[in-house]
């Protein structure tokens, strides 16, 4: 548990959340009973449609969203995962800066790939 962040939240962020925008999209879908288009999500979150569309597709691929044509909705998973998302939503509402810091402290895949290119390997 880093900085008092519950392990379930830390694990959920580490494995599935790669940006604050992605988190905001996930939480919007989770708290809403309706299905959303990328345009509607972008308007609701005051962000760009193309970026939201990428986040929605990523969440769909991870099993957090379902897609029906152009509309996306939260895809209920197992009870433990849904509890973790709910816990994350509550924690984010109370400790927004802490959650954002955790998201930004994760190395991005691009940086990880770049740094791996310079890693010295013992096997030649």
N, C-alpha and C. Protein backbone atom coordinates (compact mmCIF):
# COMPACT_ATOMS: atom_id res chain seq x y z
N UNK A 1 0.84 -1.17 0.00
CA UNK A 1 0.00 0.00 0.00
C UNK A 1 0.89 1.24 0.00
N UNK A 2 0.96 1.95 -1.12
CA UNK A 2 1.78 3.15 -1.25
C UNK A 2 0.95 4.37 -0.87
N UNK A 3 1.50 5.24 -0.01
CA UNK A 3 0.84 6.48 0.39
C UNK A 3 -0.57 6.25 0.90
N UNK A 4 -0.82 5.13 1.56
CA UNK A 4 -2.13 4.86 2.11
C UNK A 4 -3.16 4.41 1.09
N UNK A 5 -2.75 4.19 -0.14
CA UNK A 5 -3.67 3.75 -1.19
C UNK A 5 -3.95 2.27 -1.00
N UNK A 6 -5.21 1.87 -0.91
CA UNK A 6 -5.52 0.44 -0.75
C UNK A 6 -4.94 -0.38 -1.90
N UNK A 7 -4.53 -1.59 -1.59
CA UNK A 7 -3.91 -2.47 -2.58
C UNK A 7 -4.80 -2.71 -3.79
N UNK A 8 -6.11 -2.85 -3.56
CA UNK A 8 -7.02 -3.10 -4.69
C UNK A 8 -7.00 -1.95 -5.69
N UNK A 9 -6.95 -0.73 -5.18
CA UNK A 9 -6.92 0.44 -6.05
C UNK A 9 -5.57 0.52 -6.76
N UNK A 10 -4.52 0.32 -6.01
CA UNK A 10 -3.17 0.37 -6.59
C UNK A 10 -3.02 -0.66 -7.71
N UNK A 11 -3.52 -1.85 -7.49
CA UNK A 11 -3.43 -2.93 -8.49
C UNK A 11 -4.28 -2.59 -9.72
N UNK A 12 -5.49 -2.09 -9.51
CA UNK A 12 -6.37 -1.72 -10.62
C UNK A 12 -5.72 -0.65 -11.49
N UNK A 13 -5.14 0.34 -10.87
CA UNK A 13 -4.47 1.40 -11.62
C UNK A 13 -3.25 0.84 -12.34
N UNK A 14 -2.45 0.06 -11.65
CA UNK A 14 -1.23 -0.49 -12.25
C UNK A 14 -1.54 -1.35 -13.48
N UNK A 15 -2.61 -2.11 -13.41
CA UNK A 15 -2.90 -3.06 -14.49
C UNK A 15 -3.77 -2.49 -15.60
N UNK A 16 -4.60 -1.47 -15.30
CA UNK A 16 -5.60 -1.08 -16.29
C UNK A 16 -5.73 0.41 -16.58
N UNK A 17 -5.25 1.27 -15.72
CA UNK A 17 -5.48 2.71 -15.90
C UNK A 17 -4.17 3.37 -16.32
N UNK A 18 -4.19 3.96 -17.52
CA UNK A 18 -2.96 4.54 -18.07
C UNK A 18 -3.02 6.05 -18.21
N UNK A 19 -4.16 6.65 -17.92
CA UNK A 19 -4.27 8.11 -17.98
C UNK A 19 -5.44 8.55 -17.12
N UNK A 20 -5.41 9.82 -16.75
CA UNK A 20 -6.51 10.38 -15.98
C UNK A 20 -7.78 10.39 -16.85
N UNK A 21 -7.61 10.67 -18.13
CA UNK A 21 -8.76 10.66 -19.03
C UNK A 21 -9.41 9.27 -19.07
N UNK A 22 -8.60 8.23 -19.14
CA UNK A 22 -9.13 6.87 -19.15
C UNK A 22 -9.91 6.60 -17.86
N UNK A 23 -9.36 7.04 -16.74
CA UNK A 23 -10.05 6.87 -15.46
C UNK A 23 -11.38 7.62 -15.47
N UNK A 24 -11.37 8.85 -15.94
CA UNK A 24 -12.60 9.64 -15.99
C UNK A 24 -13.66 8.98 -16.87
N UNK A 25 -13.24 8.43 -18.00
CA UNK A 25 -14.18 7.74 -18.90
C UNK A 25 -14.75 6.51 -18.20
N UNK A 26 -13.89 5.72 -17.58
CA UNK A 26 -14.35 4.52 -16.86
C UNK A 26 -15.36 4.89 -15.79
N UNK A 27 -15.06 5.91 -15.00
CA UNK A 27 -15.95 6.28 -13.90
C UNK A 27 -17.27 6.86 -14.41
N UNK A 28 -17.24 7.57 -15.52
CA UNK A 28 -18.48 8.06 -16.12
C UNK A 28 -19.37 6.89 -16.54
N UNK A 29 -18.78 5.93 -17.23
CA UNK A 29 -19.56 4.75 -17.64
C UNK A 29 -20.10 4.00 -16.42
N UNK A 30 -19.28 3.86 -15.39
CA UNK A 30 -19.67 3.09 -14.20
C UNK A 30 -20.84 3.73 -13.46
N UNK A 31 -20.85 5.04 -13.37
CA UNK A 31 -21.90 5.70 -12.59
C UNK A 31 -23.18 5.95 -13.39
N UNK A 32 -23.16 5.64 -14.67
CA UNK A 32 -24.31 5.91 -15.53
C UNK A 32 -24.95 4.61 -16.01
N UNK A 33 -26.25 4.58 -15.99
CA UNK A 33 -26.97 3.38 -16.46
C UNK A 33 -27.17 3.40 -17.96
N UNK A 34 -26.80 4.46 -18.62
CA UNK A 34 -27.05 4.58 -20.05
C UNK A 34 -25.79 4.26 -20.86
N UNK A 35 -25.98 4.09 -22.15
CA UNK A 35 -24.87 3.90 -23.09
C UNK A 35 -24.54 5.26 -23.71
N UNK A 36 -23.27 5.47 -24.00
CA UNK A 36 -22.77 6.75 -24.46
C UNK A 36 -22.05 6.59 -25.80
N UNK A 37 -22.13 7.61 -26.64
CA UNK A 37 -21.28 7.67 -27.83
C UNK A 37 -19.98 8.37 -27.42
N UNK A 38 -18.97 8.24 -28.24
CA UNK A 38 -17.71 8.94 -27.96
C UNK A 38 -17.93 10.44 -27.91
N UNK A 39 -18.78 10.96 -28.78
CA UNK A 39 -19.07 12.40 -28.81
C UNK A 39 -19.72 12.85 -27.50
N UNK A 40 -20.65 12.04 -26.99
CA UNK A 40 -21.32 12.40 -25.74
C UNK A 40 -20.36 12.37 -24.55
N UNK A 41 -19.50 11.37 -24.52
CA UNK A 41 -18.51 11.29 -23.44
C UNK A 41 -17.57 12.48 -23.52
N UNK A 42 -17.10 12.81 -24.72
CA UNK A 42 -16.20 13.94 -24.90
C UNK A 42 -16.85 15.24 -24.43
N UNK A 43 -18.12 15.43 -24.78
CA UNK A 43 -18.83 16.63 -24.36
C UNK A 43 -19.00 16.67 -22.84
N UNK A 44 -19.31 15.54 -22.25
CA UNK A 44 -19.50 15.46 -20.80
C UNK A 44 -18.21 15.75 -20.04
N UNK A 45 -17.09 15.22 -20.56
CA UNK A 45 -15.80 15.36 -19.88
C UNK A 45 -14.99 16.56 -20.37
N UNK A 46 -15.53 17.28 -21.34
CA UNK A 46 -14.86 18.45 -21.91
C UNK A 46 -13.48 18.10 -22.46
N UNK A 47 -13.46 17.10 -23.32
CA UNK A 47 -12.21 16.65 -23.92
C UNK A 47 -12.44 16.33 -25.39
N UNK A 48 -11.46 15.77 -26.05
CA UNK A 48 -11.53 15.53 -27.50
C UNK A 48 -12.15 14.17 -27.82
N UNK A 49 -12.98 14.15 -28.83
CA UNK A 49 -13.70 12.95 -29.24
C UNK A 49 -12.75 11.82 -29.63
N UNK A 50 -11.71 12.12 -30.43
CA UNK A 50 -10.81 11.07 -30.89
C UNK A 50 -10.07 10.41 -29.72
N UNK A 51 -9.66 11.22 -28.76
CA UNK A 51 -8.98 10.68 -27.59
C UNK A 51 -9.93 9.80 -26.78
N UNK A 52 -11.16 10.27 -26.59
CA UNK A 52 -12.16 9.50 -25.86
C UNK A 52 -12.45 8.18 -26.58
N UNK A 53 -12.54 8.23 -27.90
CA UNK A 53 -12.80 7.02 -28.68
C UNK A 53 -11.71 5.97 -28.43
N UNK A 54 -10.46 6.41 -28.36
CA UNK A 54 -9.36 5.49 -28.06
C UNK A 54 -9.51 4.89 -26.66
N UNK A 55 -9.86 5.73 -25.70
CA UNK A 55 -10.03 5.25 -24.32
C UNK A 55 -11.19 4.25 -24.24
N UNK A 56 -12.28 4.54 -24.94
CA UNK A 56 -13.43 3.63 -24.93
C UNK A 56 -13.07 2.28 -25.55
N UNK A 57 -12.32 2.30 -26.63
CA UNK A 57 -11.89 1.04 -27.26
C UNK A 57 -10.96 0.26 -26.33
N UNK A 58 -10.06 0.97 -25.65
CA UNK A 58 -9.15 0.31 -24.72
C UNK A 58 -9.94 -0.32 -23.57
N UNK A 59 -10.89 0.44 -23.01
CA UNK A 59 -11.71 -0.10 -21.92
C UNK A 59 -12.54 -1.29 -22.38
N UNK A 60 -13.00 -1.26 -23.64
CA UNK A 60 -13.74 -2.39 -24.19
C UNK A 60 -12.83 -3.62 -24.28
N UNK A 61 -11.62 -3.40 -24.78
CA UNK A 61 -10.66 -4.50 -24.88
C UNK A 61 -10.27 -5.09 -23.53
N UNK A 62 -10.32 -4.29 -22.50
CA UNK A 62 -9.98 -4.75 -21.15
C UNK A 62 -11.19 -5.33 -20.42
N UNK A 63 -12.36 -5.28 -21.05
CA UNK A 63 -13.56 -5.85 -20.46
C UNK A 63 -14.33 -4.93 -19.53
N UNK A 64 -13.94 -3.65 -19.46
CA UNK A 64 -14.64 -2.70 -18.59
C UNK A 64 -15.81 -2.03 -19.29
N UNK A 65 -15.85 -2.09 -20.61
CA UNK A 65 -16.93 -1.48 -21.37
C UNK A 65 -17.41 -2.46 -22.42
N UNK A 66 -18.65 -2.28 -22.81
CA UNK A 66 -19.20 -3.06 -23.92
C UNK A 66 -19.61 -2.07 -25.00
N UNK A 67 -19.61 -2.56 -26.22
CA UNK A 67 -19.93 -1.69 -27.35
C UNK A 67 -21.10 -2.28 -28.12
N UNK A 68 -22.05 -1.40 -28.44
CA UNK A 68 -23.18 -1.77 -29.28
C UNK A 68 -23.27 -0.70 -30.36
N UNK A 69 -22.72 -0.99 -31.51
CA UNK A 69 -22.65 0.01 -32.57
C UNK A 69 -21.71 1.13 -32.15
N UNK A 70 -22.22 2.33 -32.06
CA UNK A 70 -21.41 3.49 -31.66
C UNK A 70 -21.57 3.83 -30.18
N UNK A 71 -22.29 3.00 -29.43
CA UNK A 71 -22.58 3.31 -28.03
C UNK A 71 -21.80 2.37 -27.11
N UNK A 72 -21.34 2.95 -26.02
CA UNK A 72 -20.55 2.21 -25.03
C UNK A 72 -21.23 2.29 -23.67
N UNK A 73 -21.12 1.22 -22.92
CA UNK A 73 -21.66 1.18 -21.57
C UNK A 73 -20.69 0.42 -20.68
N UNK A 74 -20.82 0.62 -19.39
CA UNK A 74 -20.00 -0.12 -18.45
C UNK A 74 -20.37 -1.59 -18.54
N UNK A 75 -19.36 -2.44 -18.57
CA UNK A 75 -19.57 -3.88 -18.62
C UNK A 75 -19.28 -4.44 -17.23
N UNK A 76 -20.33 -4.83 -16.55
CA UNK A 76 -20.15 -5.39 -15.22
C UNK A 76 -19.29 -6.64 -15.33
N UNK A 77 -18.32 -6.72 -14.46
CA UNK A 77 -17.43 -7.88 -14.43
C UNK A 77 -17.76 -8.72 -13.22
N UNK A 78 -16.76 -9.39 -12.71
CA UNK A 78 -17.00 -10.14 -11.48
C UNK A 78 -17.16 -9.15 -10.32
N UNK A 79 -17.73 -9.63 -9.25
CA UNK A 79 -18.05 -8.76 -8.12
C UNK A 79 -16.81 -8.07 -7.55
N UNK A 80 -15.69 -8.77 -7.50
CA UNK A 80 -14.46 -8.20 -6.94
C UNK A 80 -13.96 -7.04 -7.79
N UNK A 81 -14.00 -7.20 -9.12
CA UNK A 81 -13.55 -6.13 -10.00
C UNK A 81 -14.48 -4.91 -9.89
N UNK A 82 -15.78 -5.16 -9.87
CA UNK A 82 -16.73 -4.06 -9.75
C UNK A 82 -16.58 -3.33 -8.42
N UNK A 83 -16.32 -4.07 -7.35
CA UNK A 83 -16.06 -3.43 -6.04
C UNK A 83 -14.79 -2.58 -6.11
N UNK A 84 -13.77 -3.09 -6.80
CA UNK A 84 -12.52 -2.33 -6.92
C UNK A 84 -12.75 -1.03 -7.69
N UNK A 85 -13.55 -1.07 -8.75
CA UNK A 85 -13.86 0.14 -9.51
C UNK A 85 -14.65 1.11 -8.63
N UNK A 86 -15.61 0.61 -7.87
CA UNK A 86 -16.38 1.46 -6.96
C UNK A 86 -15.47 2.07 -5.89
N UNK A 87 -14.57 1.26 -5.37
CA UNK A 87 -13.62 1.75 -4.36
C UNK A 87 -12.72 2.83 -4.96
N UNK A 88 -12.27 2.61 -6.18
CA UNK A 88 -11.45 3.60 -6.87
C UNK A 88 -12.24 4.89 -7.06
N UNK A 89 -13.49 4.80 -7.45
CA UNK A 89 -14.33 6.00 -7.65
C UNK A 89 -14.43 6.80 -6.36
N UNK A 90 -14.69 6.12 -5.25
CA UNK A 90 -14.79 6.81 -3.97
C UNK A 90 -13.48 7.42 -3.53
N UNK A 91 -12.41 6.67 -3.71
CA UNK A 91 -11.09 7.16 -3.32
C UNK A 91 -10.69 8.36 -4.19
N UNK A 92 -10.99 8.29 -5.47
CA UNK A 92 -10.68 9.39 -6.40
C UNK A 92 -11.47 10.64 -6.02
N UNK A 93 -12.69 10.48 -5.58
CA UNK A 93 -13.50 11.62 -5.15
C UNK A 93 -12.90 12.30 -3.91
N UNK A 94 -12.29 11.51 -3.03
CA UNK A 94 -11.73 12.04 -1.79
C UNK A 94 -10.26 12.44 -1.91
N UNK A 95 -9.50 11.70 -2.72
CA UNK A 95 -8.04 11.90 -2.78
C UNK A 95 -7.57 11.98 -4.23
N UNK A 96 -8.18 12.88 -4.98
CA UNK A 96 -7.93 13.03 -6.41
C UNK A 96 -6.43 13.19 -6.72
N UNK A 97 -5.76 14.05 -6.01
CA UNK A 97 -4.35 14.31 -6.29
C UNK A 97 -3.51 13.05 -6.07
N UNK A 98 -3.82 12.29 -5.05
CA UNK A 98 -3.08 11.06 -4.77
C UNK A 98 -3.24 10.06 -5.91
N UNK A 99 -4.47 9.90 -6.40
CA UNK A 99 -4.73 8.97 -7.50
C UNK A 99 -4.04 9.44 -8.78
N UNK A 100 -4.14 10.73 -9.06
CA UNK A 100 -3.49 11.27 -10.26
C UNK A 100 -1.98 11.06 -10.17
N UNK A 101 -1.42 11.29 -9.01
CA UNK A 101 0.01 11.07 -8.81
C UNK A 101 0.40 9.63 -9.06
N UNK A 102 -0.42 8.71 -8.62
CA UNK A 102 -0.13 7.29 -8.84
C UNK A 102 -0.17 6.96 -10.33
N UNK A 103 -1.15 7.51 -11.04
CA UNK A 103 -1.24 7.27 -12.49
C UNK A 103 -0.01 7.82 -13.20
N UNK A 104 0.38 9.03 -12.86
CA UNK A 104 1.52 9.65 -13.54
C UNK A 104 2.86 9.07 -13.12
N UNK A 105 2.91 8.37 -11.99
CA UNK A 105 4.18 7.79 -11.55
C UNK A 105 4.50 6.49 -12.26
N UNK A 106 3.51 5.94 -12.97
CA UNK A 106 3.74 4.70 -13.70
C UNK A 106 4.56 4.98 -14.96
N UNK A 107 5.58 4.16 -15.23
CA UNK A 107 6.32 4.37 -16.48
C UNK A 107 5.43 4.01 -17.67
N UNK A 108 5.48 4.84 -18.69
CA UNK A 108 4.67 4.54 -19.87
C UNK A 108 5.32 3.43 -20.68
N UNK A 109 4.53 2.77 -21.51
CA UNK A 109 5.06 1.69 -22.34
C UNK A 109 6.15 2.20 -23.27
N UNK A 110 6.00 3.42 -23.78
CA UNK A 110 7.00 4.01 -24.68
C UNK A 110 8.32 4.19 -23.96
N UNK A 111 8.27 4.74 -22.75
CA UNK A 111 9.49 4.96 -21.97
C UNK A 111 10.11 3.61 -21.61
N UNK A 112 9.28 2.65 -21.22
CA UNK A 112 9.78 1.32 -20.85
C UNK A 112 10.48 0.65 -22.03
N UNK A 113 9.88 0.74 -23.22
CA UNK A 113 10.47 0.14 -24.42
C UNK A 113 11.79 0.83 -24.75
N UNK A 114 11.81 2.15 -24.65
CA UNK A 114 13.03 2.91 -24.93
C UNK A 114 14.14 2.53 -23.95
N UNK A 115 13.80 2.47 -22.66
CA UNK A 115 14.83 2.15 -21.67
C UNK A 115 15.31 0.71 -21.81
N UNK A 116 14.41 -0.20 -22.21
CA UNK A 116 14.81 -1.59 -22.42
C UNK A 116 15.84 -1.72 -23.54
N UNK A 117 15.81 -0.82 -24.50
CA UNK A 117 16.76 -0.86 -25.61
C UNK A 117 18.19 -0.61 -25.12
N UNK A 118 18.33 0.08 -23.98
CA UNK A 118 19.65 0.41 -23.47
C UNK A 118 20.07 -0.47 -22.29
N UNK A 119 19.22 -1.39 -21.91
CA UNK A 119 19.54 -2.28 -20.80
C UNK A 119 20.66 -3.21 -21.21
N UNK A 120 21.67 -3.33 -20.37
CA UNK A 120 22.77 -4.24 -20.63
C UNK A 120 22.33 -5.65 -20.33
N UNK A 121 22.58 -6.52 -21.23
CA UNK A 121 22.17 -7.91 -21.07
C UNK A 121 23.42 -8.77 -20.87
N UNK A 122 23.30 -9.71 -19.95
CA UNK A 122 24.43 -10.58 -19.67
C UNK A 122 24.60 -11.67 -20.74
N UNK A 123 23.54 -11.99 -21.46
CA UNK A 123 23.65 -13.04 -22.46
C UNK A 123 23.95 -12.44 -23.83
N UNK A 124 25.05 -12.84 -24.38
CA UNK A 124 25.47 -12.30 -25.70
C UNK A 124 25.56 -13.40 -26.67
